[in-house]
Amino acid sequence: MNIDWHSSSLTRSTIVDKNYKNTQNVRRFMVDECGADFRFDREFMAWIRNDVPKNLGDVIDEWRRRHSL
């Protein structure tokens, strides 16, 4: 099943597939989950698309790990 990254309802269990896109819909979801300081950067985007199976929960957890104080 292909995910429409522009308009699908996203959850922590949404699988990051080969068609993943950093859309406004994904950004809104990530800001809701990670807070207003959430930002994509090149290194993080490369990690998301590194061909290792993951879901958006993994993405959230990794961003929080990288940005914990």
PDB file of N, CA and C in Angstrom:
ATOM      1  N   MET A   1       0.824  -1.183   0.000  1.00  0.00           N
ATOM      2  CA  MET A   1       0.000   0.000   0.000  1.00  0.00           C
ATOM      3  C   MET A   1       0.874   1.254   0.000  1.00  0.00           C
ATOM      4  N   ASN A   2       0.694   2.114  -0.971  1.00  0.00           N
ATOM      5  CA  ASN A   2       1.456   3.354  -1.045  1.00  0.00           C
ATOM      6  C   ASN A   2       0.835   4.416  -0.153  1.00  0.00           C
ATOM      7  N   ILE A   3       1.677   5.141   0.533  1.00  0.00           N
ATOM      8  CA  ILE A   3       1.243   6.220   1.411  1.00  0.00           C
ATOM      9  C   ILE A   3       1.288   7.520   0.627  1.00  0.00           C
ATOM     10  N   ASP A   4       0.241   8.324   0.731  1.00  0.00           N
ATOM     11  CA  ASP A   4       0.265   9.669   0.167  1.00  0.00           C
ATOM     12  C   ASP A   4       0.856  10.574   1.246  1.00  0.00           C
ATOM     13  N   TRP A   5       2.133  10.875   1.137  1.00  0.00           N
ATOM     14  CA  TRP A   5       2.838  11.635   2.165  1.00  0.00           C
ATOM     15  C   TRP A   5       2.316  13.058   2.278  1.00  0.00           C
ATOM     16  N   HIS A   6       1.561  13.510   1.271  1.00  0.00           N
ATOM     17  CA  HIS A   6       1.003  14.856   1.301  1.00  0.00           C
ATOM     18  C   HIS A   6      -0.275  14.943   2.115  1.00  0.00           C
ATOM     19  N   SER A   7      -1.050  13.853   2.184  1.00  0.00           N
ATOM     20  CA  SER A   7      -2.368  13.991   2.815  1.00  0.00           C
ATOM     21  C   SER A   7      -2.791  12.832   3.721  1.00  0.00           C
ATOM     22  N   SER A   8      -2.052  11.757   3.756  1.00  0.00           N
ATOM     23  CA  SER A   8      -2.449  10.633   4.607  1.00  0.00           C
ATOM     24  C   SER A   8      -2.370  11.015   6.076  1.00  0.00           C
ATOM     25  N   SER A   9      -3.215  10.383   6.877  1.00  0.00           N
ATOM     26  CA  SER A   9      -3.139  10.533   8.321  1.00  0.00           C
ATOM     27  C   SER A   9      -1.925   9.730   8.796  1.00  0.00           C
ATOM     28  N   LEU A  10      -1.014  10.384   9.495  1.00  0.00           N
ATOM     29  CA  LEU A  10       0.231   9.749   9.908  1.00  0.00           C
ATOM     30  C   LEU A  10       0.183   9.388  11.380  1.00  0.00           C
ATOM     31  N   THR A  11       0.834   8.275  11.722  1.00  0.00           N
ATOM     32  CA  THR A  11       0.959   7.834  13.111  1.00  0.00           C
ATOM     33  C   THR A  11       2.384   7.357  13.337  1.00  0.00           C
ATOM     34  N   ARG A  12       2.711   7.068  14.570  1.00  0.00           N
ATOM     35  CA  ARG A  12       4.047   6.525  14.871  1.00  0.00           C
ATOM     36  C   ARG A  12       4.290   5.205  14.155  1.00  0.00           C
ATOM     37  N   SER A  13       3.242   4.475  13.832  1.00  0.00           N
ATOM     38  CA  SER A  13       3.414   3.167  13.179  1.00  0.00           C
ATOM     39  C   SER A  13       3.437   3.247  11.655  1.00  0.00           C
ATOM     40  N   THR A  14       3.291   4.444  11.085  1.00  0.00           N
ATOM     41  CA  THR A  14       3.362   4.595   9.630  1.00  0.00           C
ATOM     42  C   THR A  14       4.746   4.177   9.152  1.00  0.00           C
ATOM     43  N   ILE A  15       4.789   3.239   8.214  1.00  0.00           N
ATOM     44  CA  ILE A  15       6.051   2.725   7.675  1.00  0.00           C
ATOM     45  C   ILE A  15       6.675   3.749   6.732  1.00  0.00           C
ATOM     46  N   VAL A  16       7.982   3.987   6.912  1.00  0.00           N
ATOM     47  CA  VAL A  16       8.736   4.839   5.998  1.00  0.00           C
ATOM     48  C   VAL A  16       9.136   3.955   4.820  1.00  0.00           C
ATOM     49  N   ASP A  17       8.467   4.169   3.693  1.00  0.00           N
ATOM     50  CA  ASP A  17       8.708   3.323   2.529  1.00  0.00           C
ATOM     51  C   ASP A  17       9.660   3.991   1.539  1.00  0.00           C
ATOM     52  N   LYS A  18       9.916   3.313   0.425  1.00  0.00           N
ATOM     53  CA  LYS A  18      10.860   3.838  -0.560  1.00  0.00           C
ATOM     54  C   LYS A  18      10.362   5.118  -1.221  1.00  0.00           C
ATOM     55  N   ASN A  19       9.067   5.414  -1.091  1.00  0.00           N
ATOM     56  CA  ASN A  19       8.496   6.624  -1.685  1.00  0.00           C
ATOM     57  C   ASN A  19       8.366   7.769  -0.682  1.00  0.00           C
ATOM     58  N   TYR A  20       8.992   7.642   0.482  1.00  0.00           N
ATOM     59  CA  TYR A  20       8.910   8.661   1.528  1.00  0.00           C
ATOM     60  C   TYR A  20       9.306  10.029   0.987  1.00  0.00           C
ATOM     61  N   LYS A  21       8.568  11.053   1.421  1.00  0.00           N
ATOM     62  CA  LYS A  21       8.871  12.438   1.056  1.00  0.00           C
ATOM     63  C   LYS A  21       8.745  13.313   2.303  1.00  0.00           C
ATOM     64  N   ASN A  22       9.630  14.291   2.425  1.00  0.00           N
ATOM     65  CA  ASN A  22       9.552  15.276   3.505  1.00  0.00           C
ATOM     66  C   ASN A  22       8.542  16.346   3.112  1.00  0.00           C
ATOM     67  N   THR A  23       7.275  16.072   3.331  1.00  0.00           N
ATOM     68  CA  THR A  23       6.213  16.992   2.942  1.00  0.00           C
ATOM     69  C   THR A  23       5.794  17.866   4.120  1.00  0.00           C
ATOM     70  N   GLN A  24       4.959  18.861   3.835  1.00  0.00           N
ATOM     71  CA  GLN A  24       4.399  19.684   4.901  1.00  0.00           C
ATOM     72  C   GLN A  24       3.591  18.833   5.867  1.00  0.00           C
ATOM     73  N   ASN A  25       2.915  17.817   5.357  1.00  0.00           N
ATOM     74  CA  ASN A  25       2.150  16.902   6.202  1.00  0.00           C
ATOM     75  C   ASN A  25       3.075  16.191   7.197  1.00  0.00           C
ATOM     76  N   VAL A  26       4.219  15.721   6.726  1.00  0.00           N
ATOM     77  CA  VAL A  26       5.191  15.060   7.610  1.00  0.00           C
ATOM     78  C   VAL A  26       5.755  16.071   8.600  1.00  0.00           C
ATOM     79  N   ARG A  27       6.088  17.277   8.138  1.00  0.00           N
ATOM     80  CA  ARG A  27       6.617  18.307   9.043  1.00  0.00           C
ATOM     81  C   ARG A  27       5.622  18.630  10.158  1.00  0.00           C
ATOM     82  N   ARG A  28       4.340  18.785   9.806  1.00  0.00           N
ATOM     83  CA  ARG A  28       3.323  19.056  10.825  1.00  0.00           C
ATOM     84  C   ARG A  28       3.272  17.928  11.851  1.00  0.00           C
ATOM     85  N   PHE A  29       3.295  16.688  11.363  1.00  0.00           N
ATOM     86  CA  PHE A  29       3.275  15.532  12.260  1.00  0.00           C
ATOM     87  C   PHE A  29       4.490  15.548  13.182  1.00  0.00           C
ATOM     88  N   MET A  30       5.663  15.795  12.620  1.00  0.00           N
ATOM     89  CA  MET A  30       6.885  15.787  13.419  1.00  0.00           C
ATOM     90  C   MET A  30       6.897  16.922  14.445  1.00  0.00           C
ATOM     91  N   VAL A  31       6.414  18.091  14.084  1.00  0.00           N
ATOM     92  CA  VAL A  31       6.336  19.202  15.037  1.00  0.00           C
ATOM     93  C   VAL A  31       5.371  18.843  16.164  1.00  0.00           C
ATOM     94  N   ASP A  32       4.245  18.226  15.818  1.00  0.00           N
ATOM     95  CA  ASP A  32       3.294  17.792  16.849  1.00  0.00           C
ATOM     96  C   ASP A  32       3.934  16.805  17.816  1.00  0.00           C
ATOM     97  N   GLU A  33       4.756  15.909  17.306  1.00  0.00           N
ATOM     98  CA  GLU A  33       5.371  14.861  18.126  1.00  0.00           C
ATOM     99  C   GLU A  33       6.648  15.318  18.836  1.00  0.00           C
ATOM    100  N   CYS A  34       7.420  16.186  18.192  1.00  0.00           N
ATOM    101  CA  CYS A  34       8.749  16.547  18.715  1.00  0.00           C
ATOM    102  C   CYS A  34       8.824  17.959  19.273  1.00  0.00           C
ATOM    103  N   GLY A  35       7.837  18.786  18.988  1.00  0.00           N
ATOM    104  CA  GLY A  35       7.840  20.150  19.483  1.00  0.00           C
ATOM    105  C   GLY A  35       8.238  21.155  18.418  1.00  0.00           C
ATOM    106  N   ALA A  36       8.071  22.404  18.768  1.00  0.00           N
ATOM    107  CA  ALA A  36       8.281  23.513  17.818  1.00  0.00           C
ATOM    108  C   ALA A  36       9.721  23.632  17.337  1.00  0.00           C
ATOM    109  N   ASP A  37      10.679  23.047  18.060  1.00  0.00           N
ATOM    110  CA  ASP A  37      12.082  23.120  17.647  1.00  0.00           C
ATOM    111  C   ASP A  37      12.436  22.113  16.556  1.00  0.00           C
ATOM    112  N   PHE A  38      11.477  21.270  16.170  1.00  0.00           N
ATOM    113  CA  PHE A  38      11.788  20.250  15.158  1.00  0.00           C
ATOM    114  C   PHE A  38      12.222  20.906  13.851  1.00  0.00           C
ATOM    115  N   ARG A  39      13.295  20.371  13.265  1.00  0.00           N
ATOM    116  CA  ARG A  39      13.781  20.771  11.946  1.00  0.00           C
ATOM    117  C   ARG A  39      14.380  19.551  11.263  1.00  0.00           C
ATOM    118  N   PHE A  40      14.217  19.486   9.935  1.00  0.00           N
ATOM    119  CA  PHE A  40      14.955  18.507   9.155  1.00  0.00           C
ATOM    120  C   PHE A  40      16.310  19.113   8.829  1.00  0.00           C
ATOM    121  N   ASP A  41      17.348  18.296   8.871  1.00  0.00           N
ATOM    122  CA  ASP A  41      18.647  18.712   8.335  1.00  0.00           C
ATOM    123  C   ASP A  41      19.124  17.594   7.411  1.00  0.00           C
ATOM    124  N   ARG A  42      20.138  17.860   6.647  1.00  0.00           N
ATOM    125  CA  ARG A  42      20.583  16.892   5.630  1.00  0.00           C
ATOM    126  C   ARG A  42      20.969  15.544   6.231  1.00  0.00           C
ATOM    127  N   GLU A  43      21.704  15.568   7.326  1.00  0.00           N
ATOM    128  CA  GLU A  43      22.155  14.326   7.954  1.00  0.00           C
ATOM    129  C   GLU A  43      20.964  13.494   8.440  1.00  0.00           C
ATOM    130  N   PHE A  44      19.986  14.169   9.041  1.00  0.00           N
ATOM    131  CA  PHE A  44      18.802  13.469   9.537  1.00  0.00           C
ATOM    132  C   PHE A  44      17.971  12.935   8.375  1.00  0.00           C
ATOM    133  N   MET A  45      17.820  13.719   7.316  1.00  0.00           N
ATOM    134  CA  MET A  45      17.063  13.252   6.147  1.00  0.00           C
ATOM    135  C   MET A  45      17.751  12.050   5.509  1.00  0.00           C
ATOM    136  N   ALA A  46      19.077  12.060   5.474  1.00  0.00           N
ATOM    137  CA  ALA A  46      19.813  10.914   4.936  1.00  0.00           C
ATOM    138  C   ALA A  46      19.583   9.679   5.804  1.00  0.00           C
ATOM    139  N   TRP A  47      19.546   9.853   7.118  1.00  0.00           N
ATOM    140  CA  TRP A  47      19.278   8.728   8.015  1.00  0.00           C
ATOM    141  C   TRP A  47      17.889   8.164   7.751  1.00  0.00           C
ATOM    142  N   ILE A  48      16.897   9.030   7.573  1.00  0.00           N
ATOM    143  CA  ILE A  48      15.526   8.564   7.310  1.00  0.00           C
ATOM    144  C   ILE A  48      15.493   7.682   6.063  1.00  0.00           C
ATOM    145  N   ARG A  49      16.228   8.057   5.044  1.00  0.00           N
ATOM    146  CA  ARG A  49      16.174   7.362   3.751  1.00  0.00           C
ATOM    147  C   ARG A  49      17.319   6.367   3.558  1.00  0.00           C
ATOM    148  N   ASN A  50      17.893   5.836   4.629  1.00  0.00           N
ATOM    149  CA  ASN A  50      19.083   4.978   4.509  1.00  0.00           C
ATOM    150  C   ASN A  50      18.789   3.511   4.187  1.00  0.00           C
ATOM    151  N   ASP A  51      17.569   3.198   3.784  1.00  0.00           N
ATOM    152  CA  ASP A  51      17.167   1.839   3.398  1.00  0.00           C
ATOM    153  C   ASP A  51      17.087   0.848   4.553  1.00  0.00           C
ATOM    154  N   VAL A  52      17.226   1.312   5.784  1.00  0.00           N
ATOM    155  CA  VAL A  52      16.993   0.466   6.949  1.00  0.00           C
ATOM    156  C   VAL A  52      15.511   0.586   7.289  1.00  0.00           C
ATOM    157  N   PRO A  53      14.791  -0.537   7.405  1.00  0.00           N
ATOM    158  CA  PRO A  53      13.349  -0.467   7.690  1.00  0.00           C
ATOM    159  C   PRO A  53      13.066   0.307   8.984  1.00  0.00           C
ATOM    160  N   LYS A  54      12.084   1.206   8.895  1.00  0.00           N
ATOM    161  CA  LYS A  54      11.707   1.994  10.072  1.00  0.00           C
ATOM    162  C   LYS A  54      10.308   2.533   9.894  1.00  0.00           C
ATOM    163  N   ASN A  55       9.730   3.011  10.994  1.00  0.00           N
ATOM    164  CA  ASN A  55       8.436   3.681  10.945  1.00  0.00           C
ATOM    165  C   ASN A  55       8.628   5.094  11.512  1.00  0.00           C
ATOM    166  N   LEU A  56       7.560   5.887  11.474  1.00  0.00           N
ATOM    167  CA  LEU A  56       7.694   7.263  11.950  1.00  0.00           C
ATOM    168  C   LEU A  56       7.991   7.335  13.442  1.00  0.00           C
ATOM    169  N   GLY A  57       7.600   6.325  14.205  1.00  0.00           N
ATOM    170  CA  GLY A  57       7.977   6.275  15.612  1.00  0.00           C
ATOM    171  C   GLY A  57       9.486   6.204  15.776  1.00  0.00           C
ATOM    172  N   ASP A  58      10.147   5.414  14.926  1.00  0.00           N
ATOM    173  CA  ASP A  58      11.607   5.338  14.952  1.00  0.00           C
ATOM    174  C   ASP A  58      12.225   6.688  14.599  1.00  0.00           C
ATOM    175  N   VAL A  59      11.621   7.367  13.626  1.00  0.00           N
ATOM    176  CA  VAL A  59      12.112   8.678  13.198  1.00  0.00           C
ATOM    177  C   VAL A  59      11.992   9.682  14.350  1.00  0.00           C
ATOM    178  N   ILE A  60      10.856   9.690  15.022  1.00  0.00           N
ATOM    179  CA  ILE A  60      10.648  10.577  16.171  1.00  0.00           C
ATOM    180  C   ILE A  60      11.673  10.275  17.258  1.00  0.00           C
ATOM    181  N   ASP A  61      11.831   9.006  17.585  1.00  0.00           N
ATOM    182  CA  ASP A  61      12.775   8.615  18.644  1.00  0.00           C
ATOM    183  C   ASP A  61      14.198   9.025  18.300  1.00  0.00           C
ATOM    184  N   GLU A  62      14.593   8.874  17.034  1.00  0.00           N
ATOM    185  CA  GLU A  62      15.947   9.251  16.615  1.00  0.00           C
ATOM    186  C   GLU A  62      16.125  10.761  16.700  1.00  0.00           C
ATOM    187  N   TRP A  63      15.142  11.529  16.278  1.00  0.00           N
ATOM    188  CA  TRP A  63      15.278  12.994  16.360  1.00  0.00           C
ATOM    189  C   TRP A  63      15.420  13.423  17.815  1.00  0.00           C
ATOM    190  N   ARG A  64      14.590  12.833  18.676  1.00  0.00           N
ATOM    191  CA  ARG A  64      14.674  13.176  20.116  1.00  0.00           C
ATOM    192  C   ARG A  64      16.034  12.783  20.691  1.00  0.00           C
ATOM    193  N   ARG A  65      16.554  11.624  20.271  1.00  0.00           N
ATOM    194  CA  ARG A  65      17.867  11.182  20.759  1.00  0.00           C
ATOM    195  C   ARG A  65      18.947  12.193  20.348  1.00  0.00           C
ATOM    196  N   ARG A  66      18.880  12.634  19.098  1.00  0.00           N
ATOM    197  CA  ARG A  66      19.885  13.577  18.587  1.00  0.00           C
ATOM    198  C   ARG A  66      19.773  14.959  19.215  1.00  0.00           C
ATOM    199  N   HIS A  67      18.595  15.298  19.724  1.00  0.00           N
ATOM    200  CA  HIS A  67      18.379  16.664  20.228  1.00  0.00           C
ATOM    201  C   HIS A  67      18.107  16.717  21.726  1.00  0.00           C
ATOM    202  N   SER A  68      18.390  15.629  22.436  1.00  0.00           N
ATOM    203  CA  SER A  68      18.201  15.661  23.892  1.00  0.00           C
ATOM    204  C   SER A  68      19.330  16.481  24.514  1.00  0.00           C
ATOM    205  N   LEU A  69      19.001  17.151  25.555  1.00  0.00           N
ATOM    206  CA  LEU A  69      20.000  18.032  26.194  1.00  0.00           C
ATOM    207  C   LEU A  69      20.661  17.364  27.355  1.00  0.00           C
TER     208      LEU A  69
END
